[in-house]
């Protein structure tokens, strides 16, 4: 079992920045990939970014490339999502997730955090 706790959400104006953090605990050794997903009202939960835990390879959905950066800290067992130049369409609940199995980094995650709200509005 892996437990995940997100923090760092909030209200920000368009063009602003936010940093989300996710702390993992429990069976850390089982982590293969850590990712961020988001779900806007009335929409499905979508992939945002991911990082392979051991190699540090990163992946992003096209709409956030150049604006969001995912990073991992093995000493603290955390993953962060630095979000810049935020747009109203980035408004969503953001979820941290852990994937323990091999395969596509876009799906089949095993553990999820409770989510943190990000609202981009003037």
N, C-alpha and C. Protein backbone atom coordinates (compact mmCIF):
# COMPACT_ATOMS: atom_id res chain seq x y z
N UNK A 1 0.83 -1.19 0.00
CA UNK A 1 0.00 0.00 0.00
C UNK A 1 0.87 1.25 0.00
N UNK A 2 0.44 2.22 -0.76
CA UNK A 2 1.11 3.52 -0.79
C UNK A 2 0.06 4.57 -0.47
N UNK A 3 0.39 5.44 0.47
CA UNK A 3 -0.49 6.54 0.81
C UNK A 3 0.06 7.83 0.20
N UNK A 4 -0.85 8.66 -0.32
CA UNK A 4 -0.45 9.89 -1.00
C UNK A 4 -1.23 11.06 -0.43
N UNK A 5 -0.52 12.15 -0.16
CA UNK A 5 -1.16 13.36 0.35
C UNK A 5 -0.68 14.54 -0.49
N UNK A 6 -1.63 15.21 -1.14
CA UNK A 6 -1.30 16.38 -1.97
C UNK A 6 -1.44 17.67 -1.15
N UNK A 7 -0.73 18.68 -1.59
CA UNK A 7 -0.86 20.01 -1.00
C UNK A 7 -0.47 21.04 -2.05
N UNK A 8 -0.85 22.29 -1.79
CA UNK A 8 -0.39 23.38 -2.64
C UNK A 8 -1.41 23.97 -3.59
N UNK A 9 -2.62 23.45 -3.59
CA UNK A 9 -3.62 24.02 -4.48
C UNK A 9 -4.09 25.38 -3.99
N UNK A 10 -4.93 26.03 -4.80
CA UNK A 10 -5.46 27.32 -4.39
C UNK A 10 -6.00 28.10 -5.57
N UNK A 11 -6.22 29.39 -5.31
CA UNK A 11 -6.74 30.31 -6.32
C UNK A 11 -5.60 31.17 -6.84
N UNK A 12 -5.50 31.27 -8.15
CA UNK A 12 -4.44 32.07 -8.76
C UNK A 12 -5.00 32.78 -9.99
N UNK A 13 -4.45 33.93 -10.29
CA UNK A 13 -4.88 34.68 -11.47
C UNK A 13 -4.27 34.09 -12.73
N UNK A 14 -4.90 34.27 -13.86
CA UNK A 14 -4.31 33.82 -15.13
C UNK A 14 -2.91 34.39 -15.30
N UNK A 15 -2.00 33.54 -15.75
CA UNK A 15 -0.61 33.93 -15.89
C UNK A 15 0.22 33.68 -14.65
N UNK A 16 -0.42 33.33 -13.56
CA UNK A 16 0.29 33.10 -12.32
C UNK A 16 0.87 31.70 -12.22
N UNK A 17 1.45 31.40 -11.06
CA UNK A 17 2.11 30.11 -10.82
C UNK A 17 1.63 29.48 -9.52
N UNK A 18 1.69 28.17 -9.49
CA UNK A 18 1.42 27.38 -8.29
C UNK A 18 2.33 26.17 -8.29
N UNK A 19 2.65 25.70 -7.10
CA UNK A 19 3.44 24.48 -6.97
C UNK A 19 2.66 23.48 -6.14
N UNK A 20 2.36 22.34 -6.74
CA UNK A 20 1.70 21.25 -6.03
C UNK A 20 2.76 20.27 -5.54
N UNK A 21 2.50 19.69 -4.39
CA UNK A 21 3.40 18.69 -3.85
C UNK A 21 2.61 17.46 -3.43
N UNK A 22 3.23 16.31 -3.53
CA UNK A 22 2.59 15.05 -3.15
C UNK A 22 3.60 14.24 -2.35
N UNK A 23 3.21 13.89 -1.13
CA UNK A 23 4.08 13.10 -0.26
C UNK A 23 3.60 11.66 -0.24
N UNK A 24 4.52 10.75 -0.50
CA UNK A 24 4.21 9.32 -0.51
C UNK A 24 4.73 8.66 0.75
N UNK A 25 3.98 7.69 1.25
CA UNK A 25 4.41 6.91 2.39
C UNK A 25 3.91 5.47 2.22
N UNK A 26 4.46 4.58 3.02
CA UNK A 26 4.08 3.18 2.92
C UNK A 26 5.10 2.39 2.11
N UNK A 27 4.63 1.63 1.15
CA UNK A 27 5.48 0.74 0.35
C UNK A 27 6.16 1.51 -0.78
N UNK A 28 7.09 2.39 -0.39
CA UNK A 28 7.77 3.25 -1.37
C UNK A 28 8.53 2.42 -2.40
N UNK A 29 9.05 1.29 -1.98
CA UNK A 29 9.86 0.46 -2.87
C UNK A 29 9.07 -0.01 -4.09
N UNK A 30 7.75 -0.01 -3.99
CA UNK A 30 6.92 -0.52 -5.09
C UNK A 30 6.62 0.52 -6.16
N UNK A 31 7.04 1.77 -5.92
CA UNK A 31 6.72 2.84 -6.87
C UNK A 31 7.52 2.69 -8.15
N UNK A 32 6.82 2.69 -9.27
CA UNK A 32 7.45 2.65 -10.59
C UNK A 32 7.34 4.03 -11.26
N UNK A 33 6.17 4.62 -11.17
CA UNK A 33 5.91 5.92 -11.77
C UNK A 33 5.06 6.73 -10.81
N UNK A 34 5.32 8.02 -10.73
CA UNK A 34 4.43 8.94 -10.01
C UNK A 34 3.88 9.93 -11.02
N UNK A 35 2.59 10.18 -10.93
CA UNK A 35 1.97 11.04 -11.92
C UNK A 35 0.98 12.02 -11.32
N UNK A 36 0.60 12.98 -12.14
CA UNK A 36 -0.44 13.93 -11.80
C UNK A 36 -1.55 13.84 -12.84
N UNK A 37 -2.77 13.83 -12.36
CA UNK A 37 -3.95 13.86 -13.21
C UNK A 37 -4.82 15.02 -12.77
N UNK A 38 -5.78 15.42 -13.59
CA UNK A 38 -6.70 16.48 -13.19
C UNK A 38 -8.10 16.18 -13.72
N UNK A 39 -9.07 16.68 -12.98
CA UNK A 39 -10.46 16.49 -13.37
C UNK A 39 -11.21 17.80 -13.21
N UNK A 40 -11.66 18.33 -14.33
CA UNK A 40 -12.46 19.54 -14.32
C UNK A 40 -13.93 19.16 -14.13
N UNK A 41 -14.76 20.09 -13.67
CA UNK A 41 -16.18 19.79 -13.45
C UNK A 41 -16.84 19.26 -14.72
N UNK A 42 -17.53 18.13 -14.58
CA UNK A 42 -18.25 17.56 -15.70
C UNK A 42 -17.40 16.86 -16.72
N UNK A 43 -16.11 16.70 -16.42
CA UNK A 43 -15.21 16.05 -17.38
C UNK A 43 -14.54 14.84 -16.75
N UNK A 44 -13.93 14.03 -17.60
CA UNK A 44 -13.20 12.87 -17.11
C UNK A 44 -11.85 13.30 -16.51
N UNK A 45 -11.29 12.43 -15.72
CA UNK A 45 -9.97 12.69 -15.17
C UNK A 45 -8.92 12.44 -16.26
N UNK A 46 -8.04 13.39 -16.46
CA UNK A 46 -7.06 13.34 -17.54
C UNK A 46 -5.63 13.32 -17.02
N UNK A 47 -4.79 12.69 -17.77
CA UNK A 47 -3.35 12.68 -17.48
C UNK A 47 -2.76 14.08 -17.66
N UNK A 48 -1.88 14.47 -16.75
CA UNK A 48 -1.19 15.75 -16.86
C UNK A 48 0.31 15.55 -17.05
N UNK A 49 0.93 14.82 -16.13
CA UNK A 49 2.37 14.64 -16.18
C UNK A 49 2.75 13.41 -15.36
N UNK A 50 3.92 12.86 -15.65
CA UNK A 50 4.42 11.72 -14.89
C UNK A 50 5.93 11.70 -14.90
N UNK A 51 6.49 11.03 -13.90
CA UNK A 51 7.93 10.86 -13.81
C UNK A 51 8.22 9.43 -13.39
N UNK A 52 9.14 8.78 -14.10
CA UNK A 52 9.53 7.43 -13.69
C UNK A 52 10.42 7.56 -12.46
N UNK A 53 10.11 6.79 -11.44
CA UNK A 53 10.69 7.03 -10.12
C UNK A 53 12.19 6.78 -10.09
N UNK A 54 12.67 5.78 -10.81
CA UNK A 54 14.09 5.44 -10.75
C UNK A 54 14.92 6.15 -11.81
N UNK A 55 14.43 6.26 -13.03
CA UNK A 55 15.20 6.88 -14.10
C UNK A 55 14.98 8.39 -14.17
N UNK A 56 13.85 8.85 -13.66
CA UNK A 56 13.57 10.28 -13.70
C UNK A 56 13.10 10.79 -15.04
N UNK A 57 12.65 9.90 -15.92
CA UNK A 57 12.12 10.35 -17.20
C UNK A 57 10.77 11.03 -16.98
N UNK A 58 10.53 12.09 -17.73
CA UNK A 58 9.30 12.86 -17.54
C UNK A 58 8.43 12.85 -18.79
N UNK A 59 7.14 12.98 -18.56
CA UNK A 59 6.16 12.94 -19.64
C UNK A 59 5.07 13.98 -19.33
N UNK A 60 4.57 14.63 -20.37
CA UNK A 60 3.57 15.67 -20.20
C UNK A 60 2.48 15.56 -21.27
N UNK A 61 1.28 15.93 -20.91
CA UNK A 61 0.26 16.10 -21.93
C UNK A 61 0.58 17.37 -22.71
N UNK A 62 0.18 17.42 -23.97
CA UNK A 62 0.59 18.51 -24.84
C UNK A 62 0.18 19.88 -24.31
N UNK A 63 -0.97 19.97 -23.67
CA UNK A 63 -1.48 21.28 -23.27
C UNK A 63 -0.68 21.94 -22.15
N UNK A 64 0.18 21.18 -21.47
CA UNK A 64 0.95 21.77 -20.37
C UNK A 64 2.45 21.83 -20.66
N UNK A 65 2.87 21.29 -21.79
CA UNK A 65 4.30 21.30 -22.13
C UNK A 65 4.81 22.74 -22.20
N UNK A 66 5.96 22.96 -21.57
CA UNK A 66 6.53 24.30 -21.54
C UNK A 66 6.00 25.17 -20.41
N UNK A 67 4.95 24.72 -19.75
CA UNK A 67 4.37 25.50 -18.64
C UNK A 67 4.47 24.76 -17.31
N UNK A 68 4.36 23.45 -17.32
CA UNK A 68 4.40 22.63 -16.11
C UNK A 68 5.70 21.83 -16.07
N UNK A 69 6.22 21.63 -14.87
CA UNK A 69 7.41 20.81 -14.68
C UNK A 69 7.18 19.85 -13.52
N UNK A 70 7.38 18.56 -13.76
CA UNK A 70 7.26 17.56 -12.70
C UNK A 70 8.65 17.18 -12.23
N UNK A 71 8.79 16.98 -10.92
CA UNK A 71 10.09 16.60 -10.37
C UNK A 71 9.87 15.71 -9.16
N UNK A 72 10.86 14.87 -8.89
CA UNK A 72 10.77 13.95 -7.77
C UNK A 72 11.92 14.13 -6.80
N UNK A 73 11.67 13.88 -5.54
CA UNK A 73 12.68 13.97 -4.49
C UNK A 73 12.68 12.64 -3.74
N UNK A 74 13.72 11.83 -4.01
CA UNK A 74 13.77 10.51 -3.40
C UNK A 74 14.04 10.58 -1.90
N UNK A 75 14.75 11.58 -1.46
CA UNK A 75 15.06 11.70 -0.04
C UNK A 75 13.80 11.97 0.78
N UNK A 76 12.90 12.75 0.20
CA UNK A 76 11.67 13.10 0.91
C UNK A 76 10.47 12.27 0.45
N UNK A 77 10.67 11.45 -0.60
CA UNK A 77 9.57 10.67 -1.18
C UNK A 77 8.41 11.56 -1.59
N UNK A 78 8.77 12.61 -2.30
CA UNK A 78 7.75 13.55 -2.78
C UNK A 78 7.87 13.75 -4.28
N UNK A 79 6.79 14.18 -4.87
CA UNK A 79 6.80 14.60 -6.27
C UNK A 79 6.10 15.95 -6.32
N UNK A 80 6.65 16.84 -7.10
CA UNK A 80 6.10 18.19 -7.21
C UNK A 80 5.68 18.46 -8.65
N UNK A 81 4.70 19.35 -8.77
CA UNK A 81 4.28 19.83 -10.08
C UNK A 81 4.32 21.35 -10.04
N UNK A 82 5.32 21.91 -10.69
CA UNK A 82 5.45 23.36 -10.78
C UNK A 82 4.65 23.84 -11.98
N UNK A 83 3.66 24.68 -11.74
CA UNK A 83 2.77 25.14 -12.81
C UNK A 83 2.96 26.64 -13.01
N UNK A 84 3.26 27.03 -14.23
CA UNK A 84 3.47 28.43 -14.55
C UNK A 84 2.56 28.83 -15.70
N UNK A 85 2.42 30.16 -15.87
CA UNK A 85 1.57 30.68 -16.94
C UNK A 85 0.21 29.98 -16.95
N UNK A 86 -0.40 29.91 -15.79
CA UNK A 86 -1.65 29.18 -15.65
C UNK A 86 -2.77 29.86 -16.42
N UNK A 87 -3.66 29.03 -16.94
CA UNK A 87 -4.79 29.48 -17.74
C UNK A 87 -6.10 29.04 -17.08
N UNK A 88 -7.19 29.72 -17.36
CA UNK A 88 -8.47 29.30 -16.76
C UNK A 88 -8.81 27.84 -17.05
N UNK A 89 -8.40 27.35 -18.19
CA UNK A 89 -8.68 25.95 -18.53
C UNK A 89 -7.86 24.95 -17.73
N UNK A 90 -6.92 25.43 -16.93
CA UNK A 90 -6.17 24.55 -16.02
C UNK A 90 -6.95 24.31 -14.73
N UNK A 91 -8.07 25.01 -14.55
CA UNK A 91 -8.87 24.83 -13.35
C UNK A 91 -9.39 23.41 -13.25
N UNK A 92 -9.11 22.76 -12.13
CA UNK A 92 -9.50 21.36 -11.94
C UNK A 92 -9.08 20.92 -10.55
N UNK A 93 -9.54 19.74 -10.17
CA UNK A 93 -8.98 19.06 -9.01
C UNK A 93 -7.80 18.24 -9.52
N UNK A 94 -6.66 18.43 -8.90
CA UNK A 94 -5.44 17.74 -9.31
C UNK A 94 -5.17 16.57 -8.35
N UNK A 95 -4.91 15.42 -8.93
CA UNK A 95 -4.67 14.21 -8.17
C UNK A 95 -3.26 13.69 -8.41
N UNK A 96 -2.61 13.29 -7.34
CA UNK A 96 -1.35 12.58 -7.41
C UNK A 96 -1.64 11.09 -7.48
N UNK A 97 -0.83 10.35 -8.21
CA UNK A 97 -1.07 8.92 -8.35
C UNK A 97 0.24 8.16 -8.47
N UNK A 98 0.18 6.91 -8.08
CA UNK A 98 1.34 6.02 -8.15
C UNK A 98 1.00 4.80 -8.99
N UNK A 99 1.95 4.46 -9.85
CA UNK A 99 1.82 3.25 -10.67
C UNK A 99 2.92 2.30 -10.23
N UNK A 100 2.54 1.07 -9.92
CA UNK A 100 3.54 0.09 -9.47
C UNK A 100 3.92 -0.89 -10.57
N UNK A 101 3.10 -0.99 -11.59
CA UNK A 101 3.35 -1.96 -12.65
C UNK A 101 3.99 -1.31 -13.86
N UNK A 102 4.55 -2.12 -14.73
CA UNK A 102 5.09 -1.63 -15.99
C UNK A 102 3.94 -1.36 -16.94
N UNK A 103 4.24 -0.77 -18.09
CA UNK A 103 3.20 -0.48 -19.06
C UNK A 103 3.05 1.01 -19.28
N UNK A 104 2.01 1.38 -19.98
CA UNK A 104 1.77 2.79 -20.34
C UNK A 104 1.75 3.69 -19.11
N UNK A 105 2.44 4.83 -19.22
CA UNK A 105 2.46 5.77 -18.10
C UNK A 105 1.19 6.61 -18.06
N UNK A 106 0.31 6.41 -19.03
CA UNK A 106 -0.90 7.22 -19.08
C UNK A 106 -2.10 6.58 -18.38
N UNK A 107 -1.97 5.36 -17.95
CA UNK A 107 -3.12 4.67 -17.35
C UNK A 107 -2.68 3.61 -16.36
N UNK A 108 -3.67 2.99 -15.72
CA UNK A 108 -3.46 1.85 -14.81
C UNK A 108 -2.63 2.21 -13.59
N UNK A 109 -2.98 3.32 -12.95
CA UNK A 109 -2.34 3.70 -11.70
C UNK A 109 -3.03 2.99 -10.54
N UNK A 110 -2.26 2.69 -9.52
CA UNK A 110 -2.76 1.84 -8.45
C UNK A 110 -3.23 2.60 -7.21
N UNK A 111 -2.60 3.71 -6.92
CA UNK A 111 -2.91 4.47 -5.71
C UNK A 111 -3.13 5.93 -6.06
N UNK A 112 -4.06 6.56 -5.34
CA UNK A 112 -4.45 7.93 -5.63
C UNK A 112 -4.52 8.75 -4.36
N UNK A 113 -4.17 10.02 -4.48
CA UNK A 113 -4.37 10.94 -3.38
C UNK A 113 -5.81 11.45 -3.38
N UNK A 114 -6.09 12.32 -2.43
CA UNK A 114 -7.44 12.82 -2.24
C UNK A 114 -7.78 13.98 -3.17
N UNK A 115 -6.77 14.57 -3.78
CA UNK A 115 -6.98 15.67 -4.71
C UNK A 115 -6.84 17.02 -4.06
N UNK A 116 -6.42 18.00 -4.85
CA UNK A 116 -6.31 19.37 -4.38
C UNK A 116 -6.84 20.29 -5.49
N UNK A 117 -7.63 21.28 -5.08
CA UNK A 117 -8.30 22.16 -6.04
C UNK A 117 -7.36 23.25 -6.53
N UNK A 118 -7.32 23.42 -7.84
CA UNK A 118 -6.61 24.54 -8.46
C UNK A 118 -7.64 25.34 -9.25
N UNK A 119 -7.74 26.62 -8.92
CA UNK A 119 -8.68 27.50 -9.61
C UNK A 119 -7.91 28.67 -10.20
N UNK A 120 -8.05 28.84 -11.51
CA UNK A 120 -7.37 29.94 -12.21
C UNK A 120 -8.45 30.91 -12.67
N UNK A 121 -8.48 32.07 -12.03
CA UNK A 121 -9.54 33.03 -12.31
C UNK A 121 -9.11 34.43 -11.90
N UNK A 122 -9.59 35.41 -12.63
CA UNK A 122 -9.31 36.79 -12.28
C UNK A 122 -10.44 37.35 -11.40
